[in-house]
N, C-alpha and C. Protein backbone atom coordinates (compact mmCIF):
# COMPACT_ATOMS: atom_id res chain seq x y z
N MET A 1 29.92 55.00 -4.64
CA MET A 1 29.70 53.94 -4.20
C MET A 1 30.48 52.71 -4.23
N ARG A 2 31.30 52.74 -5.40
CA ARG A 2 32.44 51.65 -5.38
C ARG A 2 33.66 51.77 -4.03
N ASN A 3 33.72 52.78 -3.84
CA ASN A 3 34.75 53.28 -2.74
C ASN A 3 33.98 52.87 -1.42
N ILE A 4 32.71 53.12 -1.22
CA ILE A 4 32.30 52.67 0.00
C ILE A 4 32.56 51.01 0.20
N TRP A 5 31.99 50.22 -0.86
CA TRP A 5 32.16 49.04 -0.76
C TRP A 5 33.68 48.47 -0.44
N LEU A 6 34.48 49.13 -0.92
CA LEU A 6 35.83 48.81 -0.84
C LEU A 6 36.27 49.17 0.62
N LEU A 7 35.82 50.35 1.17
CA LEU A 7 36.04 50.48 2.21
C LEU A 7 35.57 49.78 3.47
N THR A 8 34.15 49.35 3.17
CA THR A 8 33.59 48.60 4.09
C THR A 8 34.15 46.98 4.14
N LEU A 9 34.75 46.35 2.91
CA LEU A 9 35.46 45.42 2.80
C LEU A 9 36.67 45.29 3.72
N ILE A 10 37.51 46.35 3.54
CA ILE A 10 38.69 46.57 4.11
C ILE A 10 38.50 46.38 5.79
N SER A 11 37.37 47.31 6.10
CA SER A 11 36.91 47.38 7.71
C SER A 11 36.60 45.90 8.14
N VAL A 12 35.99 45.35 7.55
CA VAL A 12 35.57 43.70 7.94
C VAL A 12 36.76 42.97 8.12
N LEU A 13 37.71 42.92 7.07
CA LEU A 13 38.83 42.28 6.93
C LEU A 13 39.96 42.53 8.31
N LEU A 14 39.92 43.97 8.41
CA LEU A 14 40.63 44.23 9.73
C LEU A 14 40.23 43.94 11.02
N VAL A 15 38.81 43.87 11.04
CA VAL A 15 38.07 43.49 12.40
C VAL A 15 38.19 42.05 12.54
N SER A 16 38.25 41.17 11.52
CA SER A 16 38.22 39.85 11.45
C SER A 16 39.61 39.37 11.91
N SER A 17 40.81 40.00 11.35
CA SER A 17 42.13 39.62 11.62
C SER A 17 42.32 39.96 13.03
N CYS A 18 41.87 40.97 13.85
CA CYS A 18 42.09 41.22 15.13
C CYS A 18 41.30 40.20 15.89
N LYS A 19 40.35 39.86 15.78
CA LYS A 19 39.50 38.96 16.54
C LYS A 19 40.38 37.33 16.53
N ASN A 20 40.86 36.93 15.27
CA ASN A 20 41.67 35.72 15.19
C ASN A 20 42.95 35.92 16.02
N LYS A 21 43.58 37.06 16.25
CA LYS A 21 44.72 37.25 16.99
C LYS A 21 44.29 37.16 18.33
N ASN A 22 43.42 37.68 18.73
CA ASN A 22 42.99 37.85 20.05
C ASN A 22 42.62 36.10 20.52
N ARG A 23 41.94 35.44 19.78
CA ARG A 23 41.51 34.13 19.65
C ARG A 23 42.86 33.44 19.79
N GLU A 24 43.84 33.62 19.18
CA GLU A 24 45.18 32.71 19.11
C GLU A 24 45.79 33.11 20.45
N GLU A 25 45.95 34.20 21.18
CA GLU A 25 46.36 34.54 22.33
C GLU A 25 45.71 34.06 23.48
N ALA A 26 44.20 34.08 23.31
CA ALA A 26 43.57 33.30 24.29
C ALA A 26 43.72 31.86 24.41
N SER A 27 44.03 31.33 23.23
CA SER A 27 44.19 29.72 23.42
C SER A 27 45.55 29.45 23.88
N ALA A 28 46.41 30.30 23.67
CA ALA A 28 47.95 29.94 24.26
C ALA A 28 47.75 30.12 25.53
N GLN A 29 47.07 31.21 25.92
CA GLN A 29 47.08 31.39 27.63
C GLN A 29 46.23 30.13 28.22
N ASN A 30 45.38 29.62 27.50
CA ASN A 30 44.47 28.60 28.25
C ASN A 30 45.41 27.20 28.04
N GLU A 31 46.26 27.29 27.00
CA GLU A 31 46.99 25.94 27.12
C GLU A 31 48.07 26.12 28.46
N GLN A 32 48.62 27.26 28.41
CA GLN A 32 49.64 27.34 29.42
C GLN A 32 48.82 27.08 30.81
N GLU A 33 47.70 27.81 31.18
CA GLU A 33 46.94 27.18 32.38
C GLU A 33 46.70 25.65 32.47
N MET A 34 46.57 24.94 31.47
CA MET A 34 46.19 23.71 31.58
C MET A 34 47.58 22.70 31.94
N GLU A 35 48.74 23.33 31.67
CA GLU A 35 49.87 22.70 31.81
C GLU A 35 50.57 23.11 33.04
N TYR A 36 50.35 24.23 33.57
CA TYR A 36 51.01 24.76 34.83
C TYR A 36 49.92 25.26 36.01
N ALA A 37 50.61 25.21 36.99
CA ALA A 37 49.81 25.69 38.27
C ALA A 37 50.52 27.11 38.26
N SER A 38 50.16 28.25 38.66
CA SER A 38 50.73 29.43 38.59
C SER A 38 50.86 30.04 40.16
N TYR A 39 51.95 30.72 40.71
CA TYR A 39 52.03 30.99 42.03
C TYR A 39 52.72 32.38 41.61
N GLY A 40 52.24 33.51 42.57
CA GLY A 40 52.92 34.61 42.40
C GLY A 40 52.55 35.45 41.30
N GLU A 41 53.38 36.45 40.69
CA GLU A 41 52.83 37.18 39.47
C GLU A 41 52.66 35.97 38.32
N GLN A 42 51.76 36.42 37.30
CA GLN A 42 51.50 35.99 36.17
C GLN A 42 52.70 35.97 35.22
N ILE A 43 53.13 34.69 34.95
CA ILE A 43 54.28 34.84 34.11
C ILE A 43 54.17 33.97 32.88
N SER A 44 55.02 33.96 31.69
CA SER A 44 54.77 33.23 30.65
C SER A 44 55.56 31.90 30.48
N ALA A 45 55.37 30.96 29.86
CA ALA A 45 56.41 30.00 29.84
C ALA A 45 57.19 30.44 28.53
N GLN A 46 57.09 31.29 27.91
CA GLN A 46 57.79 31.63 26.59
C GLN A 46 59.20 31.93 26.98
N SER A 47 60.20 31.91 26.14
CA SER A 47 61.59 32.12 26.18
C SER A 47 62.16 31.85 27.32
N ALA A 48 61.82 30.81 27.88
CA ALA A 48 62.67 30.44 29.23
C ALA A 48 64.12 29.73 29.24
N LEU A 49 65.07 30.06 29.72
CA LEU A 49 66.38 29.48 29.70
C LEU A 49 66.56 28.13 30.02
N SER A 50 66.94 27.08 29.52
CA SER A 50 67.25 25.78 30.33
C SER A 50 68.15 25.92 31.36
N SER A 51 68.40 24.91 32.20
CA SER A 51 69.30 24.66 33.10
C SER A 51 70.65 24.88 32.76
N GLU A 52 71.07 24.49 31.57
CA GLU A 52 72.31 24.54 31.14
C GLU A 52 72.64 25.86 30.69
N GLU A 53 71.87 26.63 30.15
CA GLU A 53 71.95 28.10 29.91
C GLU A 53 71.96 29.03 31.01
N MET A 54 71.39 28.68 32.06
CA MET A 54 71.29 29.40 33.20
C MET A 54 72.77 29.08 34.11
N MET A 55 73.28 27.92 34.10
CA MET A 55 74.46 27.64 34.55
C MET A 55 75.54 28.53 34.18
N THR A 56 75.46 28.62 32.67
CA THR A 56 76.50 29.69 32.01
C THR A 56 76.29 31.16 32.35
N LYS A 57 74.96 31.53 32.64
CA LYS A 57 74.92 32.80 33.26
C LYS A 57 75.36 33.04 34.43
N TYR A 58 75.07 32.04 35.41
CA TYR A 58 75.73 32.10 36.70
C TYR A 58 77.14 32.32 36.83
N LYS A 59 78.01 31.45 36.07
CA LYS A 59 79.35 31.30 35.89
C LYS A 59 79.88 32.84 35.46
N ASN A 60 79.11 33.51 34.85
CA ASN A 60 79.67 34.99 34.51
C ASN A 60 79.23 35.98 35.45
N LEU A 61 78.38 35.87 36.32
CA LEU A 61 77.87 36.76 37.34
C LEU A 61 79.15 36.78 38.37
N LYS A 62 79.06 38.36 38.91
CA LYS A 62 79.86 38.29 40.11
C LYS A 62 79.03 39.03 41.16
N PRO A 63 79.60 39.01 42.37
CA PRO A 63 78.75 39.62 43.38
C PRO A 63 78.57 40.97 43.31
N GLY A 64 77.05 41.26 43.53
CA GLY A 64 76.69 42.64 43.19
C GLY A 64 76.02 42.68 41.74
N ASP A 65 76.04 41.94 41.00
CA ASP A 65 75.35 41.75 39.47
C ASP A 65 74.27 41.22 39.61
N THR A 66 73.11 41.43 38.67
CA THR A 66 71.77 40.67 38.67
C THR A 66 71.39 40.66 37.55
N LEU A 67 70.62 39.54 37.00
CA LEU A 67 70.28 39.20 35.74
C LEU A 67 68.46 39.14 35.79
N GLU A 68 67.85 39.76 34.97
CA GLU A 68 66.34 39.72 35.03
C GLU A 68 66.07 38.71 33.74
N LEU A 69 65.50 37.35 34.21
CA LEU A 69 65.29 36.40 33.33
C LEU A 69 64.42 35.42 33.70
N SER A 70 64.02 34.21 33.07
CA SER A 70 63.35 33.11 33.62
C SER A 70 64.12 31.90 32.86
N PHE A 71 63.84 30.76 33.68
CA PHE A 71 64.38 29.66 33.33
C PHE A 71 63.83 28.42 34.03
N GLU A 72 63.98 27.29 33.54
CA GLU A 72 63.14 26.07 33.72
C GLU A 72 64.19 25.34 34.76
N GLY A 73 63.78 24.41 35.58
CA GLY A 73 64.72 23.65 36.26
C GLY A 73 63.68 22.57 37.28
N LYS A 74 64.40 21.53 37.61
CA LYS A 74 63.84 20.48 38.45
C LYS A 74 64.30 20.93 40.04
N VAL A 75 62.97 20.93 40.68
CA VAL A 75 63.15 21.17 42.27
C VAL A 75 64.15 20.41 42.93
N SER A 76 65.00 20.38 43.71
CA SER A 76 65.68 19.48 44.67
C SER A 76 65.34 19.55 46.00
N SER A 77 64.75 20.79 46.45
CA SER A 77 64.30 20.69 47.88
C SER A 77 63.35 21.84 47.88
N VAL A 78 62.72 21.95 48.92
CA VAL A 78 61.47 22.90 49.14
C VAL A 78 61.54 23.07 50.56
N CYS A 79 61.14 24.14 51.25
CA CYS A 79 60.88 24.37 52.49
C CYS A 79 59.80 23.52 53.08
N LYS A 80 59.90 22.64 54.16
CA LYS A 80 58.88 21.72 54.53
C LYS A 80 57.69 22.56 55.39
N SER A 81 58.38 23.61 56.02
CA SER A 81 57.66 24.57 56.91
C SER A 81 56.42 25.27 56.24
N LYS A 82 56.77 26.16 55.29
CA LYS A 82 55.64 26.85 54.61
C LYS A 82 55.69 26.75 53.15
N GLY A 83 56.75 26.43 52.53
CA GLY A 83 56.96 26.53 51.23
C GLY A 83 57.51 27.71 50.71
N CYS A 84 58.02 28.25 51.46
CA CYS A 84 58.66 29.50 51.58
C CYS A 84 60.01 29.88 50.65
N TRP A 85 60.60 28.90 50.28
CA TRP A 85 61.85 28.78 49.53
C TRP A 85 61.88 27.33 48.74
N MET A 86 62.75 27.29 47.64
CA MET A 86 63.14 26.23 47.03
C MET A 86 64.47 26.07 46.56
N GLU A 87 64.87 24.80 46.15
CA GLU A 87 66.38 25.03 45.48
C GLU A 87 65.99 24.17 44.21
N LEU A 88 66.53 24.60 43.04
CA LEU A 88 66.48 24.12 41.82
C LEU A 88 67.93 23.47 41.29
N GLU A 89 67.73 22.43 40.80
CA GLU A 89 69.02 21.56 40.16
C GLU A 89 69.92 22.33 39.22
N LEU A 90 70.93 22.55 39.05
CA LEU A 90 71.71 22.91 37.62
C LEU A 90 72.85 21.99 37.51
N PRO A 91 73.32 22.24 36.34
CA PRO A 91 74.41 20.96 35.89
C PRO A 91 75.58 21.22 36.97
N GLU A 92 76.79 20.46 36.91
CA GLU A 92 77.70 20.27 37.81
C GLU A 92 77.41 20.32 38.95
N GLU A 93 76.30 19.58 39.27
CA GLU A 93 76.08 19.35 40.87
C GLU A 93 75.85 20.69 41.75
N GLU A 94 75.42 21.70 41.08
CA GLU A 94 74.99 23.03 41.73
C GLU A 94 73.42 23.04 41.92
N ASN A 95 73.05 24.11 42.88
CA ASN A 95 71.93 24.00 43.15
C ASN A 95 71.54 25.73 43.17
N VAL A 96 70.35 26.10 42.83
CA VAL A 96 69.96 27.57 43.12
C VAL A 96 68.76 27.76 44.00
N MET A 97 69.33 28.96 45.05
CA MET A 97 68.39 29.06 46.06
C MET A 97 67.09 29.94 45.63
N VAL A 98 66.13 29.83 45.73
CA VAL A 98 64.97 30.35 45.10
C VAL A 98 64.14 31.02 46.29
N LYS A 99 64.05 32.25 46.53
CA LYS A 99 63.25 32.98 47.39
C LYS A 99 61.86 33.56 46.44
N PHE A 100 61.00 34.08 47.42
CA PHE A 100 59.82 34.63 46.56
C PHE A 100 59.69 36.22 46.75
N LYS A 101 59.38 36.84 45.99
CA LYS A 101 59.48 38.54 45.83
C LYS A 101 58.80 38.66 47.00
N ASP A 102 59.26 39.58 47.87
CA ASP A 102 58.40 40.37 49.21
C ASP A 102 57.54 39.29 50.08
N TYR A 103 58.37 38.04 49.84
CA TYR A 103 57.66 37.11 50.72
C TYR A 103 56.29 36.92 50.49
N GLY A 104 55.65 37.08 49.35
CA GLY A 104 54.50 37.56 48.95
C GLY A 104 53.60 36.22 48.42
N PHE A 105 54.49 34.98 48.14
CA PHE A 105 53.66 33.69 48.00
C PHE A 105 54.56 32.91 48.23
N PHE A 106 54.22 31.41 48.24
CA PHE A 106 54.73 30.03 48.71
C PHE A 106 54.44 29.32 47.67
N VAL A 107 54.95 28.18 47.59
CA VAL A 107 54.78 27.11 46.64
C VAL A 107 54.61 25.99 47.54
N PRO A 108 53.67 24.78 46.94
CA PRO A 108 53.46 23.72 47.56
C PRO A 108 54.81 22.98 48.11
N LYS A 109 54.34 22.26 49.35
CA LYS A 109 55.70 21.67 49.96
C LYS A 109 56.05 20.16 49.53
N ASP A 110 55.26 19.83 48.63
CA ASP A 110 55.38 18.36 48.00
C ASP A 110 55.92 18.60 46.54
N ILE A 111 56.48 19.62 46.01
CA ILE A 111 57.02 19.57 44.59
C ILE A 111 58.57 19.16 44.29
N GLU A 112 59.10 18.54 45.19
CA GLU A 112 60.61 17.71 44.84
C GLU A 112 60.66 17.06 44.00
N GLU A 113 61.22 17.21 42.75
CA GLU A 113 61.48 16.34 41.60
C GLU A 113 60.64 17.00 40.61
N LYS A 114 60.01 17.85 40.80
CA LYS A 114 58.88 18.44 39.68
C LYS A 114 59.55 19.57 38.81
N LYS A 115 59.27 19.86 37.51
CA LYS A 115 59.74 20.78 36.59
C LYS A 115 58.95 22.05 37.14
N VAL A 116 59.88 23.23 37.26
CA VAL A 116 58.91 24.38 37.60
C VAL A 116 59.89 25.45 36.52
N LEU A 117 59.15 26.39 36.16
CA LEU A 117 59.78 27.67 35.64
C LEU A 117 59.50 28.91 36.40
N ILE A 118 60.70 29.73 36.49
CA ILE A 118 60.71 30.92 37.36
C ILE A 118 60.94 31.87 36.54
N GLN A 119 60.67 33.14 37.24
CA GLN A 119 61.11 34.50 36.47
C GLN A 119 61.38 35.59 37.35
N GLY A 120 62.46 36.04 37.36
CA GLY A 120 62.72 37.24 38.32
C GLY A 120 64.22 37.59 38.14
N LYS A 121 65.03 37.61 39.23
CA LYS A 121 66.35 38.07 39.47
C LYS A 121 67.29 37.26 39.56
N ALA A 122 68.24 36.91 39.18
CA ALA A 122 69.55 36.02 39.40
C ALA A 122 70.52 36.95 39.98
N TYR A 123 71.25 36.34 41.03
CA TYR A 123 72.34 36.93 41.63
C TYR A 123 73.21 35.88 42.29
N ILE A 124 74.34 36.40 42.71
CA ILE A 124 75.48 35.57 43.46
C ILE A 124 75.04 36.31 45.20
N ALA A 125 75.20 35.40 46.10
CA ALA A 125 75.06 35.88 47.41
C ALA A 125 76.01 34.98 48.58
N GLU A 126 76.29 35.60 49.43
CA GLU A 126 77.13 34.78 50.37
C GLU A 126 75.93 34.44 51.68
N VAL A 127 75.89 33.43 52.00
CA VAL A 127 74.99 33.09 53.05
C VAL A 127 75.58 32.68 54.32
N SER A 128 75.23 33.49 55.26
CA SER A 128 75.67 32.98 56.73
C SER A 128 75.38 31.78 57.40
N VAL A 129 76.40 31.44 58.16
CA VAL A 129 76.13 30.17 58.82
C VAL A 129 74.82 30.16 59.51
N GLU A 130 74.55 31.11 60.03
CA GLU A 130 73.12 31.23 60.84
C GLU A 130 71.94 30.76 59.79
N GLU A 131 72.15 31.54 58.62
CA GLU A 131 70.92 31.42 57.75
C GLU A 131 70.96 30.15 57.10
N GLN A 132 72.30 29.41 56.87
CA GLN A 132 72.30 28.13 56.12
C GLN A 132 71.74 27.07 57.40
N ARG A 133 71.93 27.33 58.70
CA ARG A 133 71.18 26.49 59.33
C ARG A 133 69.93 26.53 59.69
N HIS A 134 69.38 27.73 59.62
CA HIS A 134 68.10 27.93 59.03
C HIS A 134 67.31 27.09 58.13
N TYR A 135 67.93 27.10 57.17
CA TYR A 135 67.42 26.26 55.96
C TYR A 135 67.59 25.00 55.99
N ALA A 136 68.63 24.45 56.46
CA ALA A 136 68.68 23.27 57.00
C ALA A 136 67.53 22.65 57.95
N GLU A 137 67.37 23.47 58.84
CA GLU A 137 66.36 23.02 59.71
C GLU A 137 64.75 22.85 59.06
N ASP A 138 64.80 23.77 58.42
CA ASP A 138 63.40 24.00 57.46
C ASP A 138 63.35 22.82 56.69
N ASN A 139 64.41 22.22 56.18
CA ASN A 139 64.61 21.15 55.32
C ASN A 139 64.54 19.67 56.13
N GLY A 140 64.30 19.77 57.52
CA GLY A 140 64.26 18.34 58.61
C GLY A 140 65.55 17.99 58.20
N LYS A 141 66.86 18.45 58.38
CA LYS A 141 67.94 17.86 58.49
C LYS A 141 68.24 17.65 59.76
N SER A 142 68.95 16.78 60.19
CA SER A 142 69.46 16.40 61.69
C SER A 142 70.05 17.21 62.46
N GLU A 143 70.13 17.26 63.85
CA GLU A 143 70.96 18.27 64.36
C GLU A 143 72.41 18.15 64.19
N ALA A 144 72.71 17.08 63.95
CA ALA A 144 74.23 16.51 63.58
C ALA A 144 74.75 17.25 62.22
N GLU A 145 73.61 17.12 61.36
CA GLU A 145 74.02 17.73 59.87
C GLU A 145 73.81 19.36 59.90
N ILE A 146 73.22 19.86 60.64
CA ILE A 146 73.14 21.25 61.07
C ILE A 146 74.30 21.91 61.83
N ALA A 147 75.05 20.76 62.68
CA ALA A 147 75.94 21.45 63.24
C ALA A 147 77.27 21.39 62.69
N GLU A 148 77.29 20.86 61.33
CA GLU A 148 78.41 20.52 60.54
C GLU A 148 78.75 21.87 59.65
N ILE A 149 77.46 22.82 59.60
CA ILE A 149 77.55 23.97 58.89
C ILE A 149 78.53 24.80 59.70
N THR A 150 79.61 25.44 59.40
CA THR A 150 80.43 26.19 60.16
C THR A 150 80.95 27.38 59.44
N GLN A 151 80.79 27.39 58.02
CA GLN A 151 81.53 28.54 57.16
C GLN A 151 80.09 29.14 56.36
N PRO A 152 80.38 30.50 56.01
CA PRO A 152 79.47 31.25 55.17
C PRO A 152 79.77 30.40 53.76
N LYS A 153 78.74 30.57 52.89
CA LYS A 153 78.66 29.72 51.54
C LYS A 153 78.55 30.68 50.31
N ARG A 154 79.08 31.03 49.52
CA ARG A 154 78.78 31.58 48.03
C ARG A 154 77.61 30.70 47.47
N THR A 155 76.47 31.40 47.29
CA THR A 155 75.49 30.77 46.92
C THR A 155 74.84 31.41 45.54
N LEU A 156 74.17 30.38 44.70
CA LEU A 156 73.53 30.79 43.43
C LEU A 156 72.12 31.32 43.73
N SER A 157 71.71 32.58 43.44
CA SER A 157 70.45 32.68 44.22
C SER A 157 69.53 33.31 43.27
N PHE A 158 68.36 33.53 43.62
CA PHE A 158 67.28 33.90 42.80
C PHE A 158 65.94 34.24 43.54
N ILE A 159 65.54 35.64 43.09
CA ILE A 159 64.15 36.11 43.79
C ILE A 159 63.24 36.00 42.58
N ALA A 160 62.10 35.13 42.96
CA ALA A 160 61.21 34.87 41.89
C ALA A 160 60.06 35.77 42.21
N ASP A 161 59.68 36.33 40.80
CA ASP A 161 58.56 37.08 40.64
C ASP A 161 57.30 36.04 40.65
N GLY A 162 57.17 35.11 39.88
CA GLY A 162 56.41 34.25 39.67
C GLY A 162 56.89 32.85 39.46
N VAL A 163 56.01 31.85 39.52
CA VAL A 163 56.59 30.40 39.53
C VAL A 163 55.42 29.61 38.86
N LEU A 164 55.83 28.83 37.94
CA LEU A 164 55.13 27.96 37.18
C LEU A 164 55.41 26.53 37.25
N ILE A 165 54.44 25.93 38.04
CA ILE A 165 55.07 24.43 38.25
C ILE A 165 54.15 23.46 37.25
N LYS A 166 54.94 22.51 36.64
CA LYS A 166 54.40 21.87 35.68
C LYS A 166 53.38 20.75 36.32
N LYS A 167 52.16 20.83 35.58
CA LYS A 167 51.14 19.77 36.34
C LYS A 167 51.49 18.16 35.85
N THR A 168 52.06 18.05 34.47
CA THR A 168 52.05 16.91 34.21
C THR A 168 53.36 16.35 33.82
N GLU A 169 53.99 15.32 34.11
CA GLU A 169 55.29 14.90 33.42
C GLU A 169 55.57 14.18 32.57
């Protein structure tokens, strides 16, 4: 009889601890949903690199290398046509060109200066003159500014699986 009571007590404690863990996970998810608007795949705000840490990662990348990671940064520009790309600020007056996986989602066109968290693949790309001009046009640059683009450019690039946009600053 004593063994049955002991077994029952252990079972109740195990079930109770599992329920508490699920509540904690749900609470963390709800907090994230209140702080961020989510686009693309569901991603977590946990363990994201800072812009400074990301700059160090890019300095060590060579063309052809990729890194799977997440980082937080401030939007410097976004496609004014559809929200199909954005640029994030990095230290040393650098920017990261962010596109979205499989062209599967877009972000709002009015998010300049907002903090975002992105998750996906970082890499180095060479962007053709034609593609640079296309981005400049999407960004509302003048004909004169677009005509000044005459050389391919080595670009810090990122393909995002998901994006979290901070709701409040």
